[in-house]
PDB file of N, CA and C in Angstrom:
ATOM      1  N   UNK A   1       2.944 -11.298  -9.886  1.00  0.00           N
ATOM      2  CA  UNK A   1       3.689 -10.379 -10.663  1.00  0.00           C
ATOM      3  C   UNK A   1       4.888  -9.861 -10.355  1.00  0.00           C
ATOM      4  N   UNK A   2       6.089  -9.579 -11.129  1.00  0.00           N
ATOM      5  CA  UNK A   2       7.242  -9.133 -10.757  1.00  0.00           C
ATOM      6  C   UNK A   2       7.120  -7.765 -10.411  1.00  0.00           C
ATOM      7  N   UNK A   3       7.829  -7.585  -9.364  1.00  0.00           N
ATOM      8  CA  UNK A   3       8.026  -6.065  -9.066  1.00  0.00           C
ATOM      9  C   UNK A   3       9.273  -5.915  -8.740  1.00  0.00           C
ATOM     10  N   UNK A   4       9.689  -4.647  -9.024  1.00  0.00           N
ATOM     11  CA  UNK A   4      11.001  -4.087  -9.125  1.00  0.00           C
ATOM     12  C   UNK A   4      11.252  -3.008  -7.947  1.00  0.00           C
ATOM     13  N   UNK A   5      12.231  -3.490  -6.837  1.00  0.00           N
ATOM     14  CA  UNK A   5      12.479  -2.536  -6.016  1.00  0.00           C
ATOM     15  C   UNK A   5      12.755  -1.032  -6.218  1.00  0.00           C
ATOM     16  N   UNK A   6      12.133  -0.051  -5.398  1.00  0.00           N
ATOM     17  CA  UNK A   6      12.563   1.369  -6.107  1.00  0.00           C
ATOM     18  C   UNK A   6      13.015   2.049  -4.408  1.00  0.00           C
ATOM     19  N   UNK A   7      13.600   3.182  -4.703  1.00  0.00           N
ATOM     20  CA  UNK A   7      14.070   3.922  -3.534  1.00  0.00           C
ATOM     21  C   UNK A   7      13.175   4.901  -3.227  1.00  0.00           C
ATOM     22  N   UNK A   8      12.256   4.380  -1.946  1.00  0.00           N
ATOM     23  CA  UNK A   8      11.255   5.394  -1.512  1.00  0.00           C
ATOM     24  C   UNK A   8      10.855   5.212  -0.306  1.00  0.00           C
ATOM     25  N   UNK A   9      10.548   6.123   0.674  1.00  0.00           N
ATOM     26  CA  UNK A   9      10.093   5.928   1.866  1.00  0.00           C
ATOM     27  C   UNK A   9       9.108   5.291   2.405  1.00  0.00           C
ATOM     28  N   UNK A  10       8.210   5.079   1.242  1.00  0.00           N
ATOM     29  CA  UNK A  10       6.926   4.629   1.468  1.00  0.00           C
ATOM     30  C   UNK A  10       6.746   3.406   0.732  1.00  0.00           C
ATOM     31  N   UNK A  11       7.379   3.417  -0.544  1.00  0.00           N
ATOM     32  CA  UNK A  11       6.973   2.089  -1.625  1.00  0.00           C
ATOM     33  C   UNK A  11       8.079   1.367  -1.583  1.00  0.00           C
ATOM     34  N   UNK A  12       7.805   0.186  -1.494  1.00  0.00           N
ATOM     35  CA  UNK A  12       8.969  -0.928  -1.593  1.00  0.00           C
ATOM     36  C   UNK A  12       9.435  -1.340  -2.957  1.00  0.00           C
ATOM     37  N   UNK A  13       8.248  -1.776  -3.589  1.00  0.00           N
ATOM     38  CA  UNK A  13       8.477  -2.262  -5.264  1.00  0.00           C
ATOM     39  C   UNK A  13       7.310  -1.726  -6.015  1.00  0.00           C
ATOM     40  N   UNK A  14       7.529  -1.611  -7.379  1.00  0.00           N
ATOM     41  CA  UNK A  14       6.294  -1.449  -8.311  1.00  0.00           C
ATOM     42  C   UNK A  14       6.585  -2.384  -9.309  1.00  0.00           C
ATOM     43  N   UNK A  15       5.405  -3.054 -10.036  1.00  0.00           N
ATOM     44  CA  UNK A  15       5.232  -3.752 -11.063  1.00  0.00           C
ATOM     45  C   UNK A  15       4.441  -3.550 -12.167  1.00  0.00           C
ATOM     46  N   UNK A  16       4.384  -3.875 -13.081  1.00  0.00           N
ATOM     47  CA  UNK A  16       3.492  -3.571 -14.245  1.00  0.00           C
ATOM     48  C   UNK A  16       3.088  -4.782 -15.289  1.00  0.00           C
ATOM     49  N   UNK A  17       1.682  -5.026 -15.245  1.00  0.00           N
ATOM     50  CA  UNK A  17       1.185  -6.028 -16.394  1.00  0.00           C
ATOM     51  C   UNK A  17       0.868  -5.311 -17.647  1.00  0.00           C
ATOM     52  N   UNK A  18       1.597  -5.187 -18.573  1.00  0.00           N
ATOM     53  CA  UNK A  18       1.219  -4.554 -19.655  1.00  0.00           C
ATOM     54  C   UNK A  18      -0.052  -5.073 -20.669  1.00  0.00           C
ATOM     55  N   UNK A  19      -0.222  -6.511 -20.560  1.00  0.00           N
ATOM     56  CA  UNK A  19      -1.492  -7.129 -21.155  1.00  0.00           C
ATOM     57  C   UNK A  19      -2.463  -6.950 -20.470  1.00  0.00           C
ATOM     58  N   UNK A  20      -2.456  -6.551 -19.009  1.00  0.00           N
ATOM     59  CA  UNK A  20      -3.878  -6.109 -18.464  1.00  0.00           C
ATOM     60  C   UNK A  20      -3.931  -4.714 -18.011  1.00  0.00           C
ATOM     61  N   UNK A  21      -2.794  -4.100 -18.267  1.00  0.00           N
ATOM     62  CA  UNK A  21      -2.561  -2.702 -17.993  1.00  0.00           C
ATOM     63  C   UNK A  21      -3.022  -2.558 -16.326  1.00  0.00           C
ATOM     64  N   UNK A  22      -2.173  -3.457 -15.578  1.00  0.00           N
ATOM     65  CA  UNK A  22      -2.431  -3.434 -14.222  1.00  0.00           C
ATOM     66  C   UNK A  22      -0.994  -3.026 -13.618  1.00  0.00           C
ATOM     67  N   UNK A  23      -1.026  -1.920 -12.703  1.00  0.00           N
ATOM     68  CA  UNK A  23       0.167  -1.606 -12.022  1.00  0.00           C
ATOM     69  C   UNK A  23       0.013  -2.051 -10.374  1.00  0.00           C
ATOM     70  N   UNK A  24       1.175  -2.549 -10.169  1.00  0.00           N
ATOM     71  CA  UNK A  24       0.987  -3.043  -8.610  1.00  0.00           C
ATOM     72  C   UNK A  24       2.094  -2.314  -7.981  1.00  0.00           C
ATOM     73  N   UNK A  25       1.646  -1.990  -6.797  1.00  0.00           N
ATOM     74  CA  UNK A  25       2.582  -1.296  -5.709  1.00  0.00           C
ATOM     75  C   UNK A  25       2.732  -1.831  -4.477  1.00  0.00           C
ATOM     76  N   UNK A  26       3.801  -2.270  -4.081  1.00  0.00           N
ATOM     77  CA  UNK A  26       4.017  -2.617  -2.560  1.00  0.00           C
ATOM     78  C   UNK A  26       4.605  -1.664  -1.794  1.00  0.00           C
ATOM     79  N   UNK A  27       3.965  -1.423  -0.667  1.00  0.00           N
ATOM     80  CA  UNK A  27       4.391  -0.349   0.278  1.00  0.00           C
ATOM     81  C   UNK A  27       5.188  -0.982   1.355  1.00  0.00           C
ATOM     82  N   UNK A  28       6.073  -0.171   2.101  1.00  0.00           N
ATOM     83  CA  UNK A  28       6.779  -0.801   2.840  1.00  0.00           C
ATOM     84  C   UNK A  28       6.077  -1.364   4.287  1.00  0.00           C
ATOM     85  N   UNK A  29       4.925  -0.983   4.102  1.00  0.00           N
ATOM     86  CA  UNK A  29       3.918  -1.666   5.369  1.00  0.00           C
ATOM     87  C   UNK A  29       3.830  -3.154   5.031  1.00  0.00           C
ATOM     88  N   UNK A  30       3.994  -3.489   3.855  1.00  0.00           N
ATOM     89  CA  UNK A  30       3.916  -4.845   3.312  1.00  0.00           C
ATOM     90  C   UNK A  30       2.501  -4.939   2.517  1.00  0.00           C
ATOM     91  N   UNK A  31       1.738  -3.910   2.725  1.00  0.00           N
ATOM     92  CA  UNK A  31       0.348  -3.895   1.694  1.00  0.00           C
ATOM     93  C   UNK A  31       0.653  -3.780   0.255  1.00  0.00           C
ATOM     94  N   UNK A  32      -0.071  -4.625  -0.694  1.00  0.00           N
ATOM     95  CA  UNK A  32       0.023  -4.510  -1.949  1.00  0.00           C
ATOM     96  C   UNK A  32      -1.209  -4.142  -2.616  1.00  0.00           C
ATOM     97  N   UNK A  33      -1.200  -3.160  -3.460  1.00  0.00           N
ATOM     98  CA  UNK A  33      -2.343  -2.646  -4.316  1.00  0.00           C
ATOM     99  C   UNK A  33      -2.321  -2.718  -5.841  1.00  0.00           C
ATOM    100  N   UNK A  34      -3.130  -2.863  -6.336  1.00  0.00           N
ATOM    101  CA  UNK A  34      -3.304  -3.130  -7.834  1.00  0.00           C
ATOM    102  C   UNK A  34      -4.025  -1.890  -8.321  1.00  0.00           C
ATOM    103  N   UNK A  35      -3.607  -1.247  -9.279  1.00  0.00           N
ATOM    104  CA  UNK A  35      -4.292  -0.166 -10.132  1.00  0.00           C
ATOM    105  C   UNK A  35      -4.412  -0.556 -11.272  1.00  0.00           C
ATOM    106  N   UNK A  36      -6.110  -0.267 -11.695  1.00  0.00           N
ATOM    107  CA  UNK A  36      -6.217  -0.630 -13.069  1.00  0.00           C
ATOM    108  C   UNK A  36      -6.565   0.315 -14.337  1.00  0.00           C
ATOM    109  N   UNK A  37      -6.292  -0.244 -15.435  1.00  0.00           N
ATOM    110  CA  UNK A  37      -6.157   0.432 -16.625  1.00  0.00           C
ATOM    111  C   UNK A  37      -5.219   1.641 -16.657  1.00  0.00           C
ATOM    112  N   UNK A  38      -4.170   1.371 -15.987  1.00  0.00           N
ATOM    113  CA  UNK A  38      -3.039   2.336 -16.033  1.00  0.00           C
ATOM    114  C   UNK A  38      -2.111   2.095 -17.234  1.00  0.00           C
ATOM    115  N   UNK A  39      -1.805   3.147 -17.964  1.00  0.00           N
ATOM    116  CA  UNK A  39      -1.160   3.109 -19.346  1.00  0.00           C
ATOM    117  C   UNK A  39       0.510   2.554 -19.029  1.00  0.00           C
ATOM    118  N   UNK A  40       1.126   2.257 -20.006  1.00  0.00           N
ATOM    119  CA  UNK A  40       2.323   1.879 -19.678  1.00  0.00           C
ATOM    120  C   UNK A  40       3.243   3.160 -19.749  1.00  0.00           C
ATOM    121  N   UNK A  41       2.838   4.090 -20.405  1.00  0.00           N
ATOM    122  CA  UNK A  41       3.344   5.244 -20.322  1.00  0.00           C
ATOM    123  C   UNK A  41       3.357   6.030 -18.956  1.00  0.00           C
ATOM    124  N   UNK A  42       2.081   5.926 -18.367  1.00  0.00           N
ATOM    125  CA  UNK A  42       2.178   6.270 -17.084  1.00  0.00           C
ATOM    126  C   UNK A  42       2.998   5.732 -16.115  1.00  0.00           C
ATOM    127  N   UNK A  43       3.036   4.246 -16.236  1.00  0.00           N
ATOM    128  CA  UNK A  43       3.769   3.131 -15.379  1.00  0.00           C
ATOM    129  C   UNK A  43       5.372   3.736 -15.658  1.00  0.00           C
ATOM    130  N   UNK A  44       5.914   4.093 -16.820  1.00  0.00           N
ATOM    131  CA  UNK A  44       7.183   4.344 -17.066  1.00  0.00           C
ATOM    132  C   UNK A  44       7.694   5.636 -16.416  1.00  0.00           C
ATOM    133  N   UNK A  45       6.690   6.889 -16.467  1.00  0.00           N
ATOM    134  CA  UNK A  45       6.989   7.881 -15.659  1.00  0.00           C
ATOM    135  C   UNK A  45       6.816   7.648 -14.169  1.00  0.00           C
ATOM    136  N   UNK A  46       6.005   6.723 -13.628  1.00  0.00           N
ATOM    137  CA  UNK A  46       6.041   6.719 -12.380  1.00  0.00           C
ATOM    138  C   UNK A  46       7.425   5.799 -12.069  1.00  0.00           C
ATOM    139  N   UNK A  47       7.883   4.848 -12.658  1.00  0.00           N
ATOM    140  CA  UNK A  47       9.023   4.184 -12.532  1.00  0.00           C
ATOM    141  C   UNK A  47      10.351   5.103 -12.237  1.00  0.00           C
ATOM    142  N   UNK A  48      10.198   6.060 -13.028  1.00  0.00           N
ATOM    143  CA  UNK A  48      11.440   6.979 -13.280  1.00  0.00           C
ATOM    144  C   UNK A  48      11.389   8.037 -12.582  1.00  0.00           C
ATOM    145  N   UNK A  49      10.163   8.481 -11.817  1.00  0.00           N
ATOM    146  CA  UNK A  49      10.193   9.804 -11.176  1.00  0.00           C
ATOM    147  C   UNK A  49      11.015   9.719  -9.951  1.00  0.00           C
ATOM    148  N   UNK A  50      11.551  10.992  -9.375  1.00  0.00           N
ATOM    149  CA  UNK A  50      12.226  10.982  -8.095  1.00  0.00           C
ATOM    150  C   UNK A  50      11.627  10.957  -7.065  1.00  0.00           C
ATOM    151  N   UNK A  51      10.292  11.049  -7.270  1.00  0.00           N
ATOM    152  CA  UNK A  51       9.417  10.978  -5.860  1.00  0.00           C
ATOM    153  C   UNK A  51       8.221   9.991  -6.061  1.00  0.00           C
ATOM    154  N   UNK A  52       8.372   8.583  -5.929  1.00  0.00           N
ATOM    155  CA  UNK A  52       7.536   7.808  -6.115  1.00  0.00           C
ATOM    156  C   UNK A  52       6.184   8.016  -5.450  1.00  0.00           C
ATOM    157  N   UNK A  53       6.056   8.452  -4.170  1.00  0.00           N
ATOM    158  CA  UNK A  53       4.824   8.659  -3.330  1.00  0.00           C
ATOM    159  C   UNK A  53       4.334   9.632  -3.791  1.00  0.00           C
ATOM    160  N   UNK A  54       5.128  10.844  -4.131  1.00  0.00           N
ATOM    161  CA  UNK A  54       4.098  11.904  -4.591  1.00  0.00           C
ATOM    162  C   UNK A  54       3.694  11.789  -5.739  1.00  0.00           C
ATOM    163  N   UNK A  55       4.437  11.199  -6.903  1.00  0.00           N
ATOM    164  CA  UNK A  55       3.848  10.743  -7.952  1.00  0.00           C
ATOM    165  C   UNK A  55       2.650  10.007  -7.913  1.00  0.00           C
ATOM    166  N   UNK A  56       2.438   8.917  -7.111  1.00  0.00           N
ATOM    167  CA  UNK A  56       1.277   8.072  -6.774  1.00  0.00           C
ATOM    168  C   UNK A  56       0.114   9.032  -6.286  1.00  0.00           C
ATOM    169  N   UNK A  57       0.272   9.675  -5.465  1.00  0.00           N
ATOM    170  CA  UNK A  57      -0.690  10.606  -5.218  1.00  0.00           C
ATOM    171  C   UNK A  57      -1.151  11.582  -6.115  1.00  0.00           C
ATOM    172  N   UNK A  58      -0.398  12.235  -6.792  1.00  0.00           N
ATOM    173  CA  UNK A  58      -0.848  13.099  -7.556  1.00  0.00           C
ATOM    174  C   UNK A  58      -1.425  12.684  -9.035  1.00  0.00           C
ATOM    175  N   UNK A  59      -0.855  11.430  -9.106  1.00  0.00           N
ATOM    176  CA  UNK A  59      -1.219  11.153 -10.712  1.00  0.00           C
ATOM    177  C   UNK A  59      -2.354   9.562 -10.638  1.00  0.00           C
ATOM    178  N   UNK A  60      -1.768   9.098  -9.625  1.00  0.00           N
ATOM    179  CA  UNK A  60      -2.503   7.553  -9.816  1.00  0.00           C
ATOM    180  C   UNK A  60      -3.631   7.312  -8.469  1.00  0.00           C
ATOM    181  N   UNK A  61      -3.200   7.418  -7.552  1.00  0.00           N
ATOM    182  CA  UNK A  61      -4.108   7.216  -6.259  1.00  0.00           C
ATOM    183  C   UNK A  61      -5.708   7.452  -6.508  1.00  0.00           C
ATOM    184  N   UNK A  62      -5.807   8.734  -6.818  1.00  0.00           N
ATOM    185  CA  UNK A  62      -7.450   9.136  -6.981  1.00  0.00           C
ATOM    186  C   UNK A  62      -7.891   9.052  -8.145  1.00  0.00           C
ATOM    187  N   UNK A  63      -7.019   8.434  -9.182  1.00  0.00           N
ATOM    188  CA  UNK A  63      -7.574   8.836 -10.468  1.00  0.00           C
ATOM    189  C   UNK A  63      -7.784   7.266 -11.259  1.00  0.00           C
ATOM    190  N   UNK A  64      -7.392   6.283 -10.495  1.00  0.00           N
ATOM    191  CA  UNK A  64      -7.769   4.745 -10.973  1.00  0.00           C
ATOM    192  C   UNK A  64      -8.233   3.848  -9.908  1.00  0.00           C
ATOM    193  N   UNK A  65      -9.093   3.161 -10.450  1.00  0.00           N
ATOM    194  CA  UNK A  65      -9.925   1.829  -9.801  1.00  0.00           C
ATOM    195  C   UNK A  65      -8.749   0.901  -8.975  1.00  0.00           C
ATOM    196  N   UNK A  66      -8.932   0.693  -7.990  1.00  0.00           N
ATOM    197  CA  UNK A  66      -7.750  -0.173  -7.350  1.00  0.00           C
ATOM    198  C   UNK A  66      -8.351  -1.083  -6.351  1.00  0.00           C
ATOM    199  N   UNK A  67      -7.422  -2.070  -6.156  1.00  0.00           N
ATOM    200  CA  UNK A  67      -7.939  -3.193  -4.866  1.00  0.00           C
ATOM    201  C   UNK A  67      -6.690  -3.509  -3.965  1.00  0.00           C
ATOM    202  N   UNK A  68      -6.987  -3.750  -2.906  1.00  0.00           N
ATOM    203  CA  UNK A  68      -5.844  -4.237  -2.017  1.00  0.00           C
ATOM    204  C   UNK A  68      -5.863  -5.643  -2.276  1.00  0.00           C
ATOM    205  N   UNK A  69      -4.691  -6.436  -2.412  1.00  0.00           N
ATOM    206  CA  UNK A  69      -4.189  -7.760  -2.853  1.00  0.00           C
ATOM    207  C   UNK A  69      -3.800  -8.491  -1.605  1.00  0.00           C
ATOM    208  N   UNK A  70      -3.114  -7.490  -0.809  1.00  0.00           N
ATOM    209  CA  UNK A  70      -2.453  -8.492   0.428  1.00  0.00           C
ATOM    210  C   UNK A  70      -1.948  -7.271   1.289  1.00  0.00           C
TER     211      UNK A  70
END
C-alpha cells in the first residue's frame, strides 16, 4: 500500500485502501500497523489533522481492530 509521509514525532507515513477500508500507519520506529473498517472520511480527518499521534490515540487506536504487519 502506498503511504504518504506526514509531519509527526511518532508517525512516519500513513496510507489508505478505500476498496478494503484499511488504514496503514508507519511509525518512526519502523513498525507498520493496519487498522480495519476505517471510513475514508476518518482517514481524511486523520491525514489533515495538526496532531497525527493525538488523533490516532483519540479516534482510531482503541476503536478499530488492527494488526502489526512489520
